[in-house]
């Protein structure tokens, strides 16, 4: 029997940015003289360049400067504000001890995601961190191409050596619709976490179940990670 595989989103699932993303974006926009949107929670999930193009009126030629300001502040200030969600490390340890193979699959740019995973001591539980390409490496007409969650999940599975994921033994965990859509593209379930940044009603469709805390998530994961799964 093959080992179970659990893929994790990063911000809003493993890590609580605690305002590092929303506050950082607000400051970067203001610094360059752009209006700050009222709803900044939707910026948590997609890469910053994608969000600026989708949710603000920042001209395309200004996007690189705003992103650069955000990134610089995130590395010096944002990571210091970030925390691991309660109970997550304990759950990761239990899963790892049970032989579950794990990877991060995030729309955060991969180098930044790797930095965050290493910073918080999570790398010992993950075989790989699959992230988005650079925020700025897409044309405005096709902003999804470099940040496609199905492609990010596909790369995580490829690095794990999983050619065809077993839907009874493979699952994605995330807090946004992007995670559920990405998982569905590979025929696997996505478990939602209620502690993240989903908009009202966002967790109502596309997720196999939603956990209120890490303990409940562990119970839901047993369906995929137990020695003798009973199917979906």
C-alpha atoms as a PDB file:
ATOM      1  CA  UNK A   1       0.000   0.000   0.000  1.00  0.00           C
ATOM      2  CA  UNK A   2       1.373   3.386  -0.950  1.00  0.00           C
ATOM      3  CA  UNK A   3       1.944   6.016   1.714  1.00  0.00           C
ATOM      4  CA  UNK A   4      -0.776   8.655   2.067  1.00  0.00           C
ATOM      5  CA  UNK A   5      -0.031  12.118   0.710  1.00  0.00           C
ATOM      6  CA  UNK A   6      -1.178  15.394   2.288  1.00  0.00           C
ATOM      7  CA  UNK A   7      -0.639  18.710   0.503  1.00  0.00           C
ATOM      8  CA  UNK A   8      -0.847  21.933   2.502  1.00  0.00           C
ATOM      9  CA  UNK A   9      -1.545  25.510   1.530  1.00  0.00           C
ATOM     10  CA  UNK A  10       0.655  28.004   3.404  1.00  0.00           C
ATOM     11  CA  UNK A  11      -0.845  31.387   4.368  1.00  0.00           C
ATOM     12  CA  UNK A  12      -4.179  30.983   6.122  1.00  0.00           C
ATOM     13  CA  UNK A  13      -3.641  27.248   6.583  1.00  0.00           C
ATOM     14  CA  UNK A  14      -0.221  26.578   8.113  1.00  0.00           C
ATOM     15  CA  UNK A  15       0.769  30.153   8.862  1.00  0.00           C
ATOM     16  CA  UNK A  16      -1.204  33.063  10.282  1.00  0.00           C
ATOM     17  CA  UNK A  17       0.180  36.206   8.595  1.00  0.00           C
ATOM     18  CA  UNK A  18      -1.346  38.282  11.415  1.00  0.00           C
ATOM     19  CA  UNK A  19      -1.704  41.328   9.185  1.00  0.00           C
ATOM     20  CA  UNK A  20       1.671  40.899   7.508  1.00  0.00           C
ATOM     21  CA  UNK A  21       0.076  40.502   4.079  1.00  0.00           C
ATOM     22  CA  UNK A  22      -2.878  42.861   4.358  1.00  0.00           C
ATOM     23  CA  UNK A  23      -0.933  45.524   6.219  1.00  0.00           C
ATOM     24  CA  UNK A  24       2.061  45.156   3.941  1.00  0.00           C
ATOM     25  CA  UNK A  25      -0.044  45.571   0.823  1.00  0.00           C
ATOM     26  CA  UNK A  26      -1.812  48.599   2.281  1.00  0.00           C
ATOM     27  CA  UNK A  27       1.497  50.271   3.088  1.00  0.00           C
ATOM     28  CA  UNK A  28       2.999  49.462  -0.309  1.00  0.00           C
ATOM     29  CA  UNK A  29      -0.024  50.902  -2.118  1.00  0.00           C
ATOM     30  CA  UNK A  30      -0.043  54.053   0.003  1.00  0.00           C
ATOM     31  CA  UNK A  31       3.705  54.475  -0.407  1.00  0.00           C
ATOM     32  CA  UNK A  32       3.245  54.671  -4.173  1.00  0.00           C
ATOM     33  CA  UNK A  33       0.179  56.911  -4.016  1.00  0.00           C
ATOM     34  CA  UNK A  34      -2.486  54.328  -4.845  1.00  0.00           C
ATOM     35  CA  UNK A  35      -5.868  53.845  -3.199  1.00  0.00           C
ATOM     36  CA  UNK A  36      -6.095  51.043  -0.650  1.00  0.00           C
ATOM     37  CA  UNK A  37      -9.066  48.684  -1.215  1.00  0.00           C
ATOM     38  CA  UNK A  38     -11.479  48.250   1.661  1.00  0.00           C
ATOM     39  CA  UNK A  39     -11.366  44.448   1.573  1.00  0.00           C
ATOM     40  CA  UNK A  40      -7.753  43.318   1.874  1.00  0.00           C
ATOM     41  CA  UNK A  41      -8.465  39.773   3.065  1.00  0.00           C
ATOM     42  CA  UNK A  42      -8.902  38.590  -0.517  1.00  0.00           C
ATOM     43  CA  UNK A  43      -5.234  39.438  -1.115  1.00  0.00           C
ATOM     44  CA  UNK A  44      -4.296  36.487   1.103  1.00  0.00           C
ATOM     45  CA  UNK A  45      -3.912  33.505  -1.198  1.00  0.00           C
ATOM     46  CA  UNK A  46      -3.001  34.682  -4.686  1.00  0.00           C
ATOM     47  CA  UNK A  47       0.443  36.172  -5.335  1.00  0.00           C
ATOM     48  CA  UNK A  48       0.661  39.924  -4.854  1.00  0.00           C
ATOM     49  CA  UNK A  49       1.076  40.751  -8.527  1.00  0.00           C
ATOM     50  CA  UNK A  50      -2.074  38.815  -9.393  1.00  0.00           C
ATOM     51  CA  UNK A  51      -4.049  40.537  -6.634  1.00  0.00           C
ATOM     52  CA  UNK A  52      -2.887  44.019  -7.620  1.00  0.00           C
ATOM     53  CA  UNK A  53      -4.013  43.396 -11.170  1.00  0.00           C
ATOM     54  CA  UNK A  54      -7.318  41.843 -10.109  1.00  0.00           C
ATOM     55  CA  UNK A  55      -8.368  43.978  -7.158  1.00  0.00           C
ATOM     56  CA  UNK A  56      -6.842  47.435  -7.666  1.00  0.00           C
ATOM     57  CA  UNK A  57      -6.499  50.110 -10.328  1.00  0.00           C
ATOM     58  CA  UNK A  58      -2.696  50.129 -10.168  1.00  0.00           C
ATOM     59  CA  UNK A  59      -1.421  50.610 -13.744  1.00  0.00           C
ATOM     60  CA  UNK A  60       0.542  47.685 -15.129  1.00  0.00           C
ATOM     61  CA  UNK A  61       3.747  49.714 -15.302  1.00  0.00           C
ATOM     62  CA  UNK A  62       3.442  50.469 -11.561  1.00  0.00           C
ATOM     63  CA  UNK A  63       2.863  46.875 -10.440  1.00  0.00           C
ATOM     64  CA  UNK A  64       6.577  45.935 -10.235  1.00  0.00           C
ATOM     65  CA  UNK A  65       7.354  48.852  -7.913  1.00  0.00           C
ATOM     66  CA  UNK A  66       4.446  48.110  -5.580  1.00  0.00           C
ATOM     67  CA  UNK A  67       5.344  44.420  -5.474  1.00  0.00           C
ATOM     68  CA  UNK A  68       9.003  45.236  -4.765  1.00  0.00           C
ATOM     69  CA  UNK A  69       8.022  47.472  -1.844  1.00  0.00           C
ATOM     70  CA  UNK A  70       5.733  44.808  -0.433  1.00  0.00           C
ATOM     71  CA  UNK A  71       8.328  42.063  -0.758  1.00  0.00           C
ATOM     72  CA  UNK A  72      11.079  44.058   0.919  1.00  0.00           C
ATOM     73  CA  UNK A  73       8.866  44.857   3.893  1.00  0.00           C
ATOM     74  CA  UNK A  74       7.557  41.279   4.116  1.00  0.00           C
ATOM     75  CA  UNK A  75      11.047  39.853   4.535  1.00  0.00           C
ATOM     76  CA  UNK A  76      12.077  42.388   7.171  1.00  0.00           C
ATOM     77  CA  UNK A  77       8.788  42.946   9.008  1.00  0.00           C
ATOM     78  CA  UNK A  78       6.108  40.578   7.733  1.00  0.00           C
ATOM     79  CA  UNK A  79       7.739  37.328   8.761  1.00  0.00           C
ATOM     80  CA  UNK A  80       8.260  38.717  12.247  1.00  0.00           C
ATOM     81  CA  UNK A  81       4.473  39.164  12.566  1.00  0.00           C
ATOM     82  CA  UNK A  82       3.657  35.712  11.228  1.00  0.00           C
ATOM     83  CA  UNK A  83       2.841  32.752  13.473  1.00  0.00           C
ATOM     84  CA  UNK A  84       2.097  29.050  13.041  1.00  0.00           C
ATOM     85  CA  UNK A  85      -1.570  28.353  13.746  1.00  0.00           C
ATOM     86  CA  UNK A  86      -2.288  26.632  17.089  1.00  0.00           C
ATOM     87  CA  UNK A  87      -2.061  22.855  17.008  1.00  0.00           C
ATOM     88  CA  UNK A  88      -0.633  22.676  13.498  1.00  0.00           C
ATOM     89  CA  UNK A  89       2.905  21.670  14.492  1.00  0.00           C
ATOM     90  CA  UNK A  90       1.597  18.917  16.733  1.00  0.00           C
ATOM     91  CA  UNK A  91      -0.571  17.605  13.896  1.00  0.00           C
ATOM     92  CA  UNK A  92       2.331  17.693  11.447  1.00  0.00           C
ATOM     93  CA  UNK A  93       4.434  15.687  13.892  1.00  0.00           C
ATOM     94  CA  UNK A  94       1.712  13.058  14.290  1.00  0.00           C
ATOM     95  CA  UNK A  95       1.227  12.721  10.539  1.00  0.00           C
ATOM     96  CA  UNK A  96       4.956  12.529   9.882  1.00  0.00           C
ATOM     97  CA  UNK A  97       5.339   9.882  12.557  1.00  0.00           C
ATOM     98  CA  UNK A  98       2.584   7.855  10.897  1.00  0.00           C
ATOM     99  CA  UNK A  99       4.476   7.811   7.603  1.00  0.00           C
ATOM    100  CA  UNK A 100       2.367  10.399   5.800  1.00  0.00           C
ATOM    101  CA  UNK A 101       4.218  12.137   2.982  1.00  0.00           C
ATOM    102  CA  UNK A 102       3.667  15.895   2.950  1.00  0.00           C
ATOM    103  CA  UNK A 103       4.369  18.880   0.743  1.00  0.00           C
ATOM    104  CA  UNK A 104       3.432  22.551   0.631  1.00  0.00           C
ATOM    105  CA  UNK A 105       1.500  23.703  -2.440  1.00  0.00           C
ATOM    106  CA  UNK A 106       1.060  27.467  -2.312  1.00  0.00           C
ATOM    107  CA  UNK A 107       0.410  30.380  -4.635  1.00  0.00           C
ATOM    108  CA  UNK A 108       3.041  32.336  -2.744  1.00  0.00           C
ATOM    109  CA  UNK A 109       6.197  32.776  -4.864  1.00  0.00           C
ATOM    110  CA  UNK A 110       8.304  29.693  -4.249  1.00  0.00           C
ATOM    111  CA  UNK A 111      11.469  31.364  -2.884  1.00  0.00           C
ATOM    112  CA  UNK A 112       9.413  33.343  -0.371  1.00  0.00           C
ATOM    113  CA  UNK A 113       7.410  30.252   0.592  1.00  0.00           C
ATOM    114  CA  UNK A 114      10.627  28.287   1.148  1.00  0.00           C
ATOM    115  CA  UNK A 115      11.956  31.109   3.316  1.00  0.00           C
ATOM    116  CA  UNK A 116       8.800  31.100   5.454  1.00  0.00           C
ATOM    117  CA  UNK A 117       8.743  27.320   5.852  1.00  0.00           C
ATOM    118  CA  UNK A 118      12.388  27.324   6.911  1.00  0.00           C
ATOM    119  CA  UNK A 119      11.955  30.330   9.201  1.00  0.00           C
ATOM    120  CA  UNK A 120       9.266  28.578  11.260  1.00  0.00           C
ATOM    121  CA  UNK A 121      10.991  25.215  11.425  1.00  0.00           C
ATOM    122  CA  UNK A 122       8.414  23.442   9.291  1.00  0.00           C
ATOM    123  CA  UNK A 123      10.818  22.079   6.688  1.00  0.00           C
ATOM    124  CA  UNK A 124      11.516  18.920   8.709  1.00  0.00           C
ATOM    125  CA  UNK A 125       7.993  17.718   7.960  1.00  0.00           C
ATOM    126  CA  UNK A 126       7.791  18.594   4.263  1.00  0.00           C
ATOM    127  CA  UNK A 127       9.531  16.878   1.383  1.00  0.00           C
ATOM    128  CA  UNK A 128       9.126  19.858  -0.913  1.00  0.00           C
ATOM    129  CA  UNK A 129       7.636  23.341  -1.230  1.00  0.00           C
ATOM    130  CA  UNK A 130       5.883  23.951  -4.540  1.00  0.00           C
ATOM    131  CA  UNK A 131       5.045  27.601  -5.130  1.00  0.00           C
ATOM    132  CA  UNK A 132       4.131  30.100  -7.806  1.00  0.00           C
ATOM    133  CA  UNK A 133       6.543  31.587 -10.271  1.00  0.00           C
ATOM    134  CA  UNK A 134       7.502  35.225  -9.852  1.00  0.00           C
ATOM    135  CA  UNK A 135       4.618  37.654  -9.224  1.00  0.00           C
ATOM    136  CA  UNK A 136       5.557  39.695 -12.259  1.00  0.00           C
ATOM    137  CA  UNK A 137       6.209  36.957 -14.802  1.00  0.00           C
ATOM    138  CA  UNK A 138       2.793  37.092 -16.462  1.00  0.00           C
ATOM    139  CA  UNK A 139       1.080  39.228 -19.029  1.00  0.00           C
ATOM    140  CA  UNK A 140      -1.990  41.142 -17.773  1.00  0.00           C
ATOM    141  CA  UNK A 141      -4.207  39.333 -20.292  1.00  0.00           C
ATOM    142  CA  UNK A 142      -3.383  35.954 -18.704  1.00  0.00           C
ATOM    143  CA  UNK A 143      -2.733  36.570 -14.992  1.00  0.00           C
ATOM    144  CA  UNK A 144      -3.610  33.012 -14.079  1.00  0.00           C
ATOM    145  CA  UNK A 145      -0.834  31.306 -15.994  1.00  0.00           C
ATOM    146  CA  UNK A 146       2.015  31.655 -13.505  1.00  0.00           C
ATOM    147  CA  UNK A 147      -0.182  31.182 -10.450  1.00  0.00           C
ATOM    148  CA  UNK A 148      -2.348  28.259 -11.542  1.00  0.00           C
ATOM    149  CA  UNK A 149      -3.106  26.169  -8.428  1.00  0.00           C
ATOM    150  CA  UNK A 150      -3.612  22.942 -10.401  1.00  0.00           C
ATOM    151  CA  UNK A 151      -0.130  23.390 -11.888  1.00  0.00           C
ATOM    152  CA  UNK A 152       1.371  24.088  -8.456  1.00  0.00           C
ATOM    153  CA  UNK A 153      -0.252  20.944  -7.072  1.00  0.00           C
ATOM    154  CA  UNK A 154       0.908  18.982 -10.118  1.00  0.00           C
ATOM    155  CA  UNK A 155       4.481  20.084  -9.470  1.00  0.00           C
ATOM    156  CA  UNK A 156       4.259  19.089  -5.802  1.00  0.00           C
ATOM    157  CA  UNK A 157       2.999  15.637  -6.803  1.00  0.00           C
ATOM    158  CA  UNK A 158       5.714  15.318  -9.450  1.00  0.00           C
ATOM    159  CA  UNK A 159       8.419  16.080  -6.904  1.00  0.00           C
ATOM    160  CA  UNK A 160       6.915  13.462  -4.590  1.00  0.00           C
ATOM    161  CA  UNK A 161       7.033  10.944  -7.425  1.00  0.00           C
ATOM    162  CA  UNK A 162       3.242  10.607  -7.508  1.00  0.00           C
ATOM    163  CA  UNK A 163       2.201  10.135 -11.134  1.00  0.00           C
ATOM    164  CA  UNK A 164      -1.459   9.371 -10.486  1.00  0.00           C
ATOM    165  CA  UNK A 165      -2.717  10.374  -7.023  1.00  0.00           C
ATOM    166  CA  UNK A 166      -4.937   7.876  -5.252  1.00  0.00           C
ATOM    167  CA  UNK A 167      -8.046   9.875  -4.255  1.00  0.00           C
ATOM    168  CA  UNK A 168      -8.503   7.647  -1.201  1.00  0.00           C
ATOM    169  CA  UNK A 169      -4.965   8.379   0.019  1.00  0.00           C
ATOM    170  CA  UNK A 170      -4.274  11.916  -1.241  1.00  0.00           C
ATOM    171  CA  UNK A 171      -5.784  15.176  -0.013  1.00  0.00           C
ATOM    172  CA  UNK A 172      -5.221  18.941  -0.190  1.00  0.00           C
ATOM    173  CA  UNK A 173      -5.736  21.251   2.794  1.00  0.00           C
ATOM    174  CA  UNK A 174      -6.488  24.949   2.301  1.00  0.00           C
ATOM    175  CA  UNK A 175      -8.548  27.976   3.210  1.00  0.00           C
ATOM    176  CA  UNK A 176      -9.524  29.427  -0.171  1.00  0.00           C
ATOM    177  CA  UNK A 177     -11.517  28.326  -3.210  1.00  0.00           C
ATOM    178  CA  UNK A 178      -8.260  28.219  -5.197  1.00  0.00           C
ATOM    179  CA  UNK A 179      -7.212  25.222  -3.104  1.00  0.00           C
ATOM    180  CA  UNK A 180     -10.441  23.310  -3.705  1.00  0.00           C
ATOM    181  CA  UNK A 181     -10.361  24.047  -7.430  1.00  0.00           C
ATOM    182  CA  UNK A 182      -6.747  22.945  -7.679  1.00  0.00           C
ATOM    183  CA  UNK A 183      -7.458  19.693  -5.866  1.00  0.00           C
ATOM    184  CA  UNK A 184     -10.515  18.966  -8.003  1.00  0.00           C
ATOM    185  CA  UNK A 185      -8.406  19.333 -11.145  1.00  0.00           C
ATOM    186  CA  UNK A 186      -6.443  16.295  -9.944  1.00  0.00           C
ATOM    187  CA  UNK A 187      -9.452  14.301  -8.771  1.00  0.00           C
ATOM    188  CA  UNK A 188      -8.622  14.605  -5.093  1.00  0.00           C
ATOM    189  CA  UNK A 189     -10.492  16.059  -2.141  1.00  0.00           C
ATOM    190  CA  UNK A 190      -9.733  19.325  -0.413  1.00  0.00           C
ATOM    191  CA  UNK A 191     -10.317  19.838   3.297  1.00  0.00           C
ATOM    192  CA  UNK A 192     -11.051  23.414   4.277  1.00  0.00           C
ATOM    193  CA  UNK A 193      -9.857  25.172   7.417  1.00  0.00           C
ATOM    194  CA  UNK A 194     -12.162  27.703   9.046  1.00  0.00           C
ATOM    195  CA  UNK A 195      -9.301  29.690  10.626  1.00  0.00           C
ATOM    196  CA  UNK A 196      -8.035  31.124   7.334  1.00  0.00           C
ATOM    197  CA  UNK A 197      -9.046  33.942   5.014  1.00  0.00           C
ATOM    198  CA  UNK A 198     -12.023  32.584   3.118  1.00  0.00           C
ATOM    199  CA  UNK A 199     -14.770  35.071   2.331  1.00  0.00           C
ATOM    200  CA  UNK A 200     -18.240  34.433   3.705  1.00  0.00           C
ATOM    201  CA  UNK A 201     -19.668  31.365   1.994  1.00  0.00           C
ATOM    202  CA  UNK A 202     -16.391  30.487   0.252  1.00  0.00           C
ATOM    203  CA  UNK A 203     -15.961  27.242   2.177  1.00  0.00           C
ATOM    204  CA  UNK A 204     -19.511  26.150   1.393  1.00  0.00           C
ATOM    205  CA  UNK A 205     -18.741  24.563  -1.963  1.00  0.00           C
ATOM    206  CA  UNK A 206     -15.898  22.498  -3.328  1.00  0.00           C
ATOM    207  CA  UNK A 207     -14.574  21.262   0.014  1.00  0.00           C
ATOM    208  CA  UNK A 208     -15.066  17.694   1.239  1.00  0.00           C
ATOM    209  CA  UNK A 209     -15.317  18.975   4.826  1.00  0.00           C
ATOM    210  CA  UNK A 210     -14.237  21.961   6.904  1.00  0.00           C
ATOM    211  CA  UNK A 211     -12.243  21.806  10.141  1.00  0.00           C
ATOM    212  CA  UNK A 212     -12.738  24.343  12.926  1.00  0.00           C
ATOM    213  CA  UNK A 213      -9.377  23.639  14.557  1.00  0.00           C
ATOM    214  CA  UNK A 214      -6.294  21.455  14.190  1.00  0.00           C
ATOM    215  CA  UNK A 215      -7.748  18.673  16.322  1.00  0.00           C
ATOM    216  CA  UNK A 216     -10.796  18.413  14.080  1.00  0.00           C
ATOM    217  CA  UNK A 217      -8.569  18.530  11.013  1.00  0.00           C
ATOM    218  CA  UNK A 218      -6.651  15.551  12.362  1.00  0.00           C
ATOM    219  CA  UNK A 219      -9.912  13.634  12.697  1.00  0.00           C
ATOM    220  CA  UNK A 220     -10.903  14.473   9.118  1.00  0.00           C
ATOM    221  CA  UNK A 221      -7.489  13.458   7.800  1.00  0.00           C
ATOM    222  CA  UNK A 222      -7.849   9.975   9.292  1.00  0.00           C
ATOM    223  CA  UNK A 223     -10.128   9.151   6.381  1.00  0.00           C
ATOM    224  CA  UNK A 224      -7.148   9.505   4.030  1.00  0.00           C
ATOM    225  CA  UNK A 225      -4.226   8.520   6.242  1.00  0.00           C
ATOM    226  CA  UNK A 226      -5.495   5.518   8.210  1.00  0.00           C
ATOM    227  CA  UNK A 227      -3.841   2.149   7.442  1.00  0.00           C
ATOM    228  CA  UNK A 228      -7.011   0.710   5.939  1.00  0.00           C
ATOM    229  CA  UNK A 229      -9.035   3.436   4.192  1.00  0.00           C
ATOM    230  CA  UNK A 230     -12.677   2.652   3.541  1.00  0.00           C
ATOM    231  CA  UNK A 231     -12.951   4.845   0.460  1.00  0.00           C
ATOM    232  CA  UNK A 232     -14.396   8.225  -0.174  1.00  0.00           C
END
